[in-house]
Amino acid sequence: MSAKPHIGAIVDTSVVVKWLINEPGSDSALSQRQQWQAKNLVPAAPDFLLVELHNVLWKKLERGDITPDAPILSYAPMFGLDLQWFPFEPLLPMAWHVACHCHISMYDALYASLAQQLRVPFFTSDTRLADRLHQVITVHTLASV
């Protein structure tokens, strides 16, 4: 019997979409996920990531980056993601503080707040976001791993 996975990091939609769609940074994102799996670690995210992910995929569909018959779309709504989900509502007070202090969106602040609460690193492909958060939490961009 294998040990129960532990939470290794918080991931945002910019990372997760790279697991599902081949785009710049996908190799790095997939490699990081494999490293977590090898260490029996599971990434986590606020549950609203699914809403953001659906929106990103819809935008890609609208722009013609993917087609309506793209295989990944058949896996909606959960896309087979092996993530530990956390409700976003309890994170709102802390996220408000982080958003105001770091001048980031509430969406991004929810990820940062979860990382802060769980005391795990936050992974994003958004270097601007990482720059704004580096004094508050441990944050990694895909380029830095």
N, C-alpha and C. Protein backbone atom coordinates (compact mmCIF):
# COMPACT_ATOMS: atom_id res chain seq x y z
N MET A 1 0.83 -1.16 0.00
CA MET A 1 0.00 0.00 0.00
C MET A 1 0.89 1.24 0.00
N SER A 2 0.60 2.20 -0.91
CA SER A 2 1.43 3.40 -0.99
C SER A 2 0.95 4.44 0.01
N ALA A 3 1.87 5.29 0.40
CA ALA A 3 1.55 6.34 1.35
C ALA A 3 0.63 7.37 0.70
N LYS A 4 -0.18 8.00 1.54
CA LYS A 4 -1.08 9.05 1.05
C LYS A 4 -0.24 10.22 0.56
N PRO A 5 -0.54 10.76 -0.62
CA PRO A 5 0.23 11.89 -1.13
C PRO A 5 0.08 13.11 -0.22
N HIS A 6 1.13 13.90 -0.16
CA HIS A 6 1.13 15.16 0.59
C HIS A 6 1.06 16.30 -0.41
N ILE A 7 0.56 17.43 0.03
CA ILE A 7 0.49 18.60 -0.84
C ILE A 7 1.89 19.16 -1.00
N GLY A 8 2.31 19.29 -2.25
CA GLY A 8 3.65 19.75 -2.53
C GLY A 8 3.73 21.19 -2.97
N ALA A 9 2.64 21.71 -3.52
CA ALA A 9 2.66 23.07 -4.05
C ALA A 9 1.25 23.48 -4.42
N ILE A 10 1.09 24.79 -4.60
CA ILE A 10 -0.13 25.34 -5.17
C ILE A 10 0.19 25.68 -6.62
N VAL A 11 -0.71 25.34 -7.51
CA VAL A 11 -0.55 25.66 -8.93
C VAL A 11 -1.72 26.54 -9.38
N ASP A 12 -1.43 27.43 -10.32
CA ASP A 12 -2.51 28.24 -10.89
C ASP A 12 -2.86 27.74 -12.28
N THR A 13 -3.82 28.38 -12.88
CA THR A 13 -4.33 27.96 -14.18
C THR A 13 -3.25 28.04 -15.25
N SER A 14 -2.34 29.01 -15.13
CA SER A 14 -1.29 29.14 -16.14
C SER A 14 -0.39 27.91 -16.21
N VAL A 15 -0.28 27.18 -15.11
CA VAL A 15 0.50 25.94 -15.09
C VAL A 15 -0.37 24.77 -15.56
N VAL A 16 -1.57 24.68 -15.03
CA VAL A 16 -2.43 23.54 -15.33
C VAL A 16 -2.77 23.46 -16.82
N VAL A 17 -3.01 24.60 -17.45
CA VAL A 17 -3.35 24.57 -18.88
C VAL A 17 -2.19 23.99 -19.69
N LYS A 18 -0.97 24.16 -19.21
CA LYS A 18 0.20 23.62 -19.90
C LYS A 18 0.30 22.10 -19.75
N TRP A 19 -0.36 21.55 -18.76
CA TRP A 19 -0.45 20.10 -18.65
C TRP A 19 -1.40 19.53 -19.70
N LEU A 20 -2.38 20.32 -20.09
CA LEU A 20 -3.46 19.83 -20.94
C LEU A 20 -3.29 20.17 -22.42
N ILE A 21 -2.67 21.30 -22.71
CA ILE A 21 -2.50 21.80 -24.08
C ILE A 21 -1.02 22.00 -24.32
N ASN A 22 -0.53 21.51 -25.44
CA ASN A 22 0.88 21.70 -25.78
C ASN A 22 1.09 23.15 -26.21
N GLU A 23 1.82 23.90 -25.38
CA GLU A 23 2.12 25.30 -25.66
C GLU A 23 3.46 25.61 -25.01
N PRO A 24 4.02 26.79 -25.28
CA PRO A 24 5.30 27.12 -24.64
C PRO A 24 5.23 26.95 -23.12
N GLY A 25 6.20 26.26 -22.59
CA GLY A 25 6.24 25.99 -21.15
C GLY A 25 5.64 24.66 -20.75
N SER A 26 5.00 23.97 -21.69
CA SER A 26 4.38 22.69 -21.35
C SER A 26 5.39 21.65 -20.88
N ASP A 27 6.55 21.60 -21.53
CA ASP A 27 7.56 20.62 -21.13
C ASP A 27 7.99 20.84 -19.68
N SER A 28 8.21 22.09 -19.32
CA SER A 28 8.62 22.42 -17.94
C SER A 28 7.51 22.08 -16.95
N ALA A 29 6.27 22.41 -17.32
CA ALA A 29 5.12 22.14 -16.43
C ALA A 29 4.93 20.64 -16.23
N LEU A 30 5.04 19.88 -17.30
CA LEU A 30 4.87 18.43 -17.19
C LEU A 30 6.03 17.80 -16.41
N SER A 31 7.22 18.31 -16.61
CA SER A 31 8.38 17.80 -15.88
C SER A 31 8.21 18.05 -14.38
N GLN A 32 7.74 19.23 -14.02
CA GLN A 32 7.52 19.54 -12.60
C GLN A 32 6.46 18.61 -12.01
N ARG A 33 5.39 18.38 -12.76
CA ARG A 33 4.34 17.48 -12.27
C ARG A 33 4.90 16.07 -12.05
N GLN A 34 5.74 15.61 -12.97
CA GLN A 34 6.34 14.28 -12.81
C GLN A 34 7.25 14.21 -11.57
N GLN A 35 7.96 15.31 -11.30
CA GLN A 35 8.80 15.35 -10.10
C GLN A 35 7.95 15.23 -8.84
N TRP A 36 6.82 15.92 -8.82
CA TRP A 36 5.93 15.81 -7.65
C TRP A 36 5.41 14.39 -7.51
N GLN A 37 4.99 13.79 -8.62
CA GLN A 37 4.47 12.43 -8.57
C GLN A 37 5.52 11.46 -8.05
N ALA A 38 6.76 11.64 -8.48
CA ALA A 38 7.85 10.75 -8.05
C ALA A 38 8.09 10.86 -6.54
N LYS A 39 7.80 12.02 -5.98
CA LYS A 39 7.98 12.25 -4.54
C LYS A 39 6.69 12.03 -3.75
N ASN A 40 5.67 11.50 -4.41
CA ASN A 40 4.37 11.27 -3.79
C ASN A 40 3.75 12.57 -3.26
N LEU A 41 3.94 13.64 -4.04
CA LEU A 41 3.36 14.94 -3.72
C LEU A 41 2.25 15.24 -4.72
N VAL A 42 1.23 15.89 -4.25
CA VAL A 42 0.13 16.27 -5.13
C VAL A 42 0.00 17.80 -5.08
N PRO A 43 -0.15 18.43 -6.24
CA PRO A 43 -0.39 19.87 -6.22
C PRO A 43 -1.83 20.17 -5.78
N ALA A 44 -2.04 21.39 -5.33
CA ALA A 44 -3.36 21.80 -4.86
C ALA A 44 -3.72 23.13 -5.49
N ALA A 45 -5.02 23.45 -5.39
CA ALA A 45 -5.52 24.72 -5.95
C ALA A 45 -6.87 25.04 -5.33
N PRO A 46 -7.21 26.33 -5.33
CA PRO A 46 -8.58 26.69 -4.95
C PRO A 46 -9.54 26.12 -6.01
N ASP A 47 -10.73 25.75 -5.59
CA ASP A 47 -11.64 25.08 -6.51
C ASP A 47 -12.09 25.93 -7.70
N PHE A 48 -11.94 27.25 -7.62
CA PHE A 48 -12.35 28.08 -8.75
C PHE A 48 -11.39 27.95 -9.93
N LEU A 49 -10.25 27.25 -9.76
CA LEU A 49 -9.35 27.01 -10.88
C LEU A 49 -10.11 26.38 -12.05
N LEU A 50 -11.07 25.53 -11.76
CA LEU A 50 -11.83 24.89 -12.84
C LEU A 50 -12.59 25.91 -13.67
N VAL A 51 -13.11 26.95 -13.05
CA VAL A 51 -13.81 28.00 -13.79
C VAL A 51 -12.81 28.74 -14.68
N GLU A 52 -11.67 29.11 -14.11
CA GLU A 52 -10.63 29.78 -14.90
C GLU A 52 -10.16 28.90 -16.05
N LEU A 53 -9.97 27.63 -15.78
CA LEU A 53 -9.49 26.71 -16.81
C LEU A 53 -10.49 26.60 -17.96
N HIS A 54 -11.75 26.47 -17.62
CA HIS A 54 -12.77 26.41 -18.67
C HIS A 54 -12.76 27.70 -19.49
N ASN A 55 -12.55 28.83 -18.85
CA ASN A 55 -12.52 30.10 -19.56
C ASN A 55 -11.31 30.18 -20.49
N VAL A 56 -10.15 29.73 -20.03
CA VAL A 56 -8.95 29.71 -20.87
C VAL A 56 -9.18 28.82 -22.09
N LEU A 57 -9.75 27.65 -21.88
CA LEU A 57 -10.00 26.74 -23.00
C LEU A 57 -11.03 27.33 -23.96
N TRP A 58 -12.05 27.99 -23.44
CA TRP A 58 -13.03 28.65 -24.29
C TRP A 58 -12.36 29.73 -25.15
N LYS A 59 -11.47 30.53 -24.53
CA LYS A 59 -10.75 31.56 -25.30
C LYS A 59 -9.89 30.93 -26.39
N LYS A 60 -9.23 29.82 -26.07
CA LYS A 60 -8.42 29.13 -27.07
C LYS A 60 -9.30 28.60 -28.21
N LEU A 61 -10.47 28.14 -27.88
CA LEU A 61 -11.42 27.68 -28.89
C LEU A 61 -11.88 28.85 -29.77
N GLU A 62 -12.22 29.96 -29.15
CA GLU A 62 -12.66 31.15 -29.88
C GLU A 62 -11.58 31.69 -30.82
N ARG A 63 -10.32 31.64 -30.38
CA ARG A 63 -9.20 32.13 -31.19
C ARG A 63 -8.78 31.14 -32.26
N GLY A 64 -9.29 29.92 -32.18
CA GLY A 64 -8.90 28.90 -33.14
C GLY A 64 -7.63 28.16 -32.75
N ASP A 65 -7.17 28.35 -31.51
CA ASP A 65 -5.98 27.64 -31.04
C ASP A 65 -6.25 26.15 -30.82
N ILE A 66 -7.49 25.83 -30.49
CA ILE A 66 -7.94 24.44 -30.40
C ILE A 66 -9.26 24.34 -31.16
N THR A 67 -9.61 23.13 -31.53
CA THR A 67 -10.86 22.90 -32.26
C THR A 67 -11.89 22.28 -31.33
N PRO A 68 -13.16 22.38 -31.71
CA PRO A 68 -14.21 21.80 -30.85
C PRO A 68 -14.05 20.29 -30.61
N ASP A 69 -13.32 19.61 -31.49
CA ASP A 69 -13.11 18.18 -31.30
C ASP A 69 -11.77 17.86 -30.65
N ALA A 70 -11.12 18.87 -30.05
CA ALA A 70 -9.86 18.64 -29.35
C ALA A 70 -10.08 17.58 -28.26
N PRO A 71 -9.23 16.56 -28.21
CA PRO A 71 -9.43 15.47 -27.24
C PRO A 71 -9.60 15.94 -25.80
N ILE A 72 -8.88 16.97 -25.40
CA ILE A 72 -8.95 17.40 -24.01
C ILE A 72 -10.36 17.84 -23.62
N LEU A 73 -11.11 18.38 -24.56
CA LEU A 73 -12.45 18.87 -24.25
C LEU A 73 -13.40 17.75 -23.86
N SER A 74 -13.10 16.53 -24.27
CA SER A 74 -13.95 15.40 -23.89
C SER A 74 -13.80 15.04 -22.41
N TYR A 75 -12.79 15.60 -21.75
CA TYR A 75 -12.57 15.32 -20.34
C TYR A 75 -13.19 16.35 -19.41
N ALA A 76 -13.88 17.32 -19.97
CA ALA A 76 -14.55 18.34 -19.14
C ALA A 76 -15.60 17.63 -18.28
N PRO A 77 -15.91 18.07 -17.10
CA PRO A 77 -15.49 19.34 -16.51
C PRO A 77 -14.22 19.25 -15.67
N MET A 78 -13.76 18.07 -15.29
CA MET A 78 -12.63 17.96 -14.36
C MET A 78 -11.29 17.74 -15.07
N PHE A 79 -11.31 17.36 -16.33
CA PHE A 79 -10.11 17.18 -17.15
C PHE A 79 -9.13 16.15 -16.58
N GLY A 80 -9.61 15.27 -15.72
CA GLY A 80 -8.75 14.23 -15.16
C GLY A 80 -7.65 14.77 -14.27
N LEU A 81 -7.83 15.97 -13.76
CA LEU A 81 -6.79 16.60 -12.94
C LEU A 81 -6.67 15.94 -11.57
N ASP A 82 -5.46 15.58 -11.23
CA ASP A 82 -5.17 15.00 -9.92
C ASP A 82 -4.66 16.12 -9.02
N LEU A 83 -5.59 16.91 -8.53
CA LEU A 83 -5.27 18.03 -7.65
C LEU A 83 -6.03 17.88 -6.35
N GLN A 84 -5.49 18.43 -5.31
CA GLN A 84 -6.22 18.54 -4.05
C GLN A 84 -6.96 19.88 -4.12
N TRP A 85 -8.26 19.83 -4.03
CA TRP A 85 -9.08 21.04 -4.17
C TRP A 85 -9.41 21.64 -2.81
N PHE A 86 -9.39 22.97 -2.76
CA PHE A 86 -9.76 23.70 -1.55
C PHE A 86 -10.81 24.74 -1.90
N PRO A 87 -11.83 24.89 -1.06
CA PRO A 87 -12.84 25.92 -1.33
C PRO A 87 -12.21 27.31 -1.22
N PHE A 88 -12.60 28.19 -2.12
CA PHE A 88 -12.00 29.52 -2.14
C PHE A 88 -12.59 30.47 -1.11
N GLU A 89 -13.84 30.26 -0.72
CA GLU A 89 -14.51 31.21 0.16
C GLU A 89 -13.76 31.50 1.47
N PRO A 90 -13.26 30.48 2.18
CA PRO A 90 -12.53 30.78 3.42
C PRO A 90 -11.23 31.56 3.19
N LEU A 91 -10.74 31.58 1.97
CA LEU A 91 -9.50 32.28 1.66
C LEU A 91 -9.71 33.76 1.39
N LEU A 92 -10.95 34.18 1.21
CA LEU A 92 -11.23 35.56 0.78
C LEU A 92 -10.66 36.64 1.70
N PRO A 93 -10.78 36.56 3.03
CA PRO A 93 -10.21 37.63 3.86
C PRO A 93 -8.69 37.78 3.68
N MET A 94 -7.98 36.67 3.70
CA MET A 94 -6.54 36.72 3.53
C MET A 94 -6.19 37.19 2.11
N ALA A 95 -6.94 36.71 1.13
CA ALA A 95 -6.69 37.09 -0.26
C ALA A 95 -6.87 38.59 -0.47
N TRP A 96 -7.87 39.17 0.19
CA TRP A 96 -8.08 40.61 0.08
C TRP A 96 -6.84 41.37 0.54
N HIS A 97 -6.29 40.95 1.67
CA HIS A 97 -5.08 41.58 2.20
C HIS A 97 -3.92 41.42 1.21
N VAL A 98 -3.72 40.22 0.71
CA VAL A 98 -2.62 39.96 -0.23
C VAL A 98 -2.80 40.77 -1.51
N ALA A 99 -4.02 40.82 -2.03
CA ALA A 99 -4.29 41.57 -3.26
C ALA A 99 -3.95 43.04 -3.09
N CYS A 100 -4.38 43.61 -1.98
CA CYS A 100 -4.12 45.03 -1.72
C CYS A 100 -2.64 45.30 -1.48
N HIS A 101 -2.00 44.44 -0.72
CA HIS A 101 -0.58 44.62 -0.38
C HIS A 101 0.33 44.44 -1.60
N CYS A 102 0.02 43.45 -2.44
CA CYS A 102 0.89 43.11 -3.57
C CYS A 102 0.42 43.69 -4.90
N HIS A 103 -0.74 44.33 -4.90
CA HIS A 103 -1.30 44.93 -6.13
C HIS A 103 -1.50 43.87 -7.21
N ILE A 104 -2.22 42.81 -6.82
CA ILE A 104 -2.54 41.73 -7.76
C ILE A 104 -4.05 41.50 -7.72
N SER A 105 -4.54 40.73 -8.68
CA SER A 105 -5.98 40.45 -8.72
C SER A 105 -6.38 39.55 -7.56
N MET A 106 -7.65 39.61 -7.22
CA MET A 106 -8.17 38.70 -6.19
C MET A 106 -8.01 37.25 -6.61
N TYR A 107 -8.15 36.97 -7.90
CA TYR A 107 -7.98 35.60 -8.37
C TYR A 107 -6.58 35.09 -8.01
N ASP A 108 -5.57 35.89 -8.36
CA ASP A 108 -4.19 35.50 -8.07
C ASP A 108 -3.94 35.45 -6.57
N ALA A 109 -4.55 36.38 -5.84
CA ALA A 109 -4.36 36.42 -4.39
C ALA A 109 -4.94 35.18 -3.71
N LEU A 110 -5.97 34.60 -4.29
CA LEU A 110 -6.52 33.37 -3.71
C LEU A 110 -5.50 32.23 -3.77
N TYR A 111 -4.80 32.10 -4.88
CA TYR A 111 -3.75 31.08 -4.99
C TYR A 111 -2.65 31.35 -3.97
N ALA A 112 -2.22 32.62 -3.92
CA ALA A 112 -1.15 32.99 -2.99
C ALA A 112 -1.56 32.75 -1.54
N SER A 113 -2.80 33.06 -1.22
CA SER A 113 -3.28 32.87 0.15
C SER A 113 -3.32 31.39 0.53
N LEU A 114 -3.71 30.56 -0.41
CA LEU A 114 -3.72 29.12 -0.13
C LEU A 114 -2.30 28.63 0.09
N ALA A 115 -1.36 29.09 -0.72
CA ALA A 115 0.05 28.70 -0.53
C ALA A 115 0.55 29.17 0.84
N GLN A 116 0.17 30.37 1.21
CA GLN A 116 0.57 30.92 2.50
C GLN A 116 -0.04 30.10 3.65
N GLN A 117 -1.30 29.79 3.51
CA GLN A 117 -2.00 29.03 4.56
C GLN A 117 -1.41 27.64 4.72
N LEU A 118 -1.10 26.98 3.62
CA LEU A 118 -0.59 25.61 3.68
C LEU A 118 0.93 25.54 3.83
N ARG A 119 1.57 26.69 3.71
CA ARG A 119 3.04 26.79 3.82
C ARG A 119 3.74 25.90 2.80
N VAL A 120 3.29 26.04 1.56
CA VAL A 120 3.91 25.35 0.44
C VAL A 120 4.18 26.37 -0.65
N PRO A 121 5.10 26.06 -1.57
CA PRO A 121 5.39 27.02 -2.64
C PRO A 121 4.24 27.13 -3.64
N PHE A 122 4.22 28.25 -4.32
CA PHE A 122 3.23 28.55 -5.35
C PHE A 122 3.94 28.53 -6.70
N PHE A 123 3.36 27.81 -7.66
CA PHE A 123 3.92 27.71 -9.00
C PHE A 123 3.00 28.39 -10.00
N THR A 124 3.60 29.23 -10.84
CA THR A 124 2.87 29.96 -11.87
C THR A 124 3.79 30.11 -13.08
N SER A 125 3.22 30.40 -14.23
CA SER A 125 4.07 30.74 -15.38
C SER A 125 4.06 32.26 -15.60
N ASP A 126 3.40 32.98 -14.72
CA ASP A 126 3.27 34.43 -14.82
C ASP A 126 4.42 35.09 -14.04
N THR A 127 5.46 35.52 -14.76
CA THR A 127 6.63 36.09 -14.11
C THR A 127 6.31 37.42 -13.43
N ARG A 128 5.41 38.19 -13.98
CA ARG A 128 5.03 39.46 -13.36
C ARG A 128 4.37 39.19 -12.00
N LEU A 129 3.48 38.21 -11.96
CA LEU A 129 2.84 37.85 -10.70
C LEU A 129 3.88 37.37 -9.70
N ALA A 130 4.79 36.53 -10.14
CA ALA A 130 5.83 36.01 -9.25
C ALA A 130 6.66 37.15 -8.66
N ASP A 131 6.98 38.14 -9.48
CA ASP A 131 7.76 39.29 -8.99
C ASP A 131 7.01 40.04 -7.89
N ARG A 132 5.70 40.14 -8.02
CA ARG A 132 4.91 40.87 -7.03
C ARG A 132 4.74 40.09 -5.73
N LEU A 133 4.86 38.77 -5.81
CA LEU A 133 4.61 37.93 -4.63
C LEU A 133 5.86 37.45 -3.91
N HIS A 134 7.02 37.61 -4.50
CA HIS A 134 8.21 36.94 -3.96
C HIS A 134 8.57 37.32 -2.53
N GLN A 135 8.11 38.47 -2.05
CA GLN A 135 8.41 38.83 -0.65
C GLN A 135 7.35 38.32 0.33
N VAL A 136 6.26 37.80 -0.21
CA VAL A 136 5.16 37.34 0.64
C VAL A 136 5.16 35.82 0.81
N ILE A 137 5.43 35.11 -0.27
CA ILE A 137 5.42 33.64 -0.26
C ILE A 137 6.57 33.13 -1.11
N THR A 138 6.82 31.83 -1.00
CA THR A 138 7.77 31.18 -1.91
C THR A 138 7.05 30.93 -3.21
N VAL A 139 7.55 31.54 -4.26
CA VAL A 139 6.89 31.42 -5.56
C VAL A 139 7.92 31.03 -6.62
N HIS A 140 7.52 30.12 -7.49
CA HIS A 140 8.39 29.66 -8.57
C HIS A 140 7.66 29.87 -9.89
N THR A 141 8.42 30.32 -10.88
CA THR A 141 7.88 30.33 -12.24
C THR A 141 8.40 29.09 -12.93
N LEU A 142 7.74 28.69 -13.98
CA LEU A 142 8.19 27.49 -14.69
C LEU A 142 9.61 27.67 -15.20
N ALA A 143 9.98 28.90 -15.52
CA ALA A 143 11.34 29.15 -16.00
C ALA A 143 12.38 28.97 -14.90
N SER A 144 11.96 29.06 -13.63
CA SER A 144 12.92 28.99 -12.52
C SER A 144 13.07 27.60 -11.95
N VAL A 145 12.33 26.63 -12.49
CA VAL A 145 12.42 25.27 -11.93
C VAL A 145 13.26 24.37 -12.81
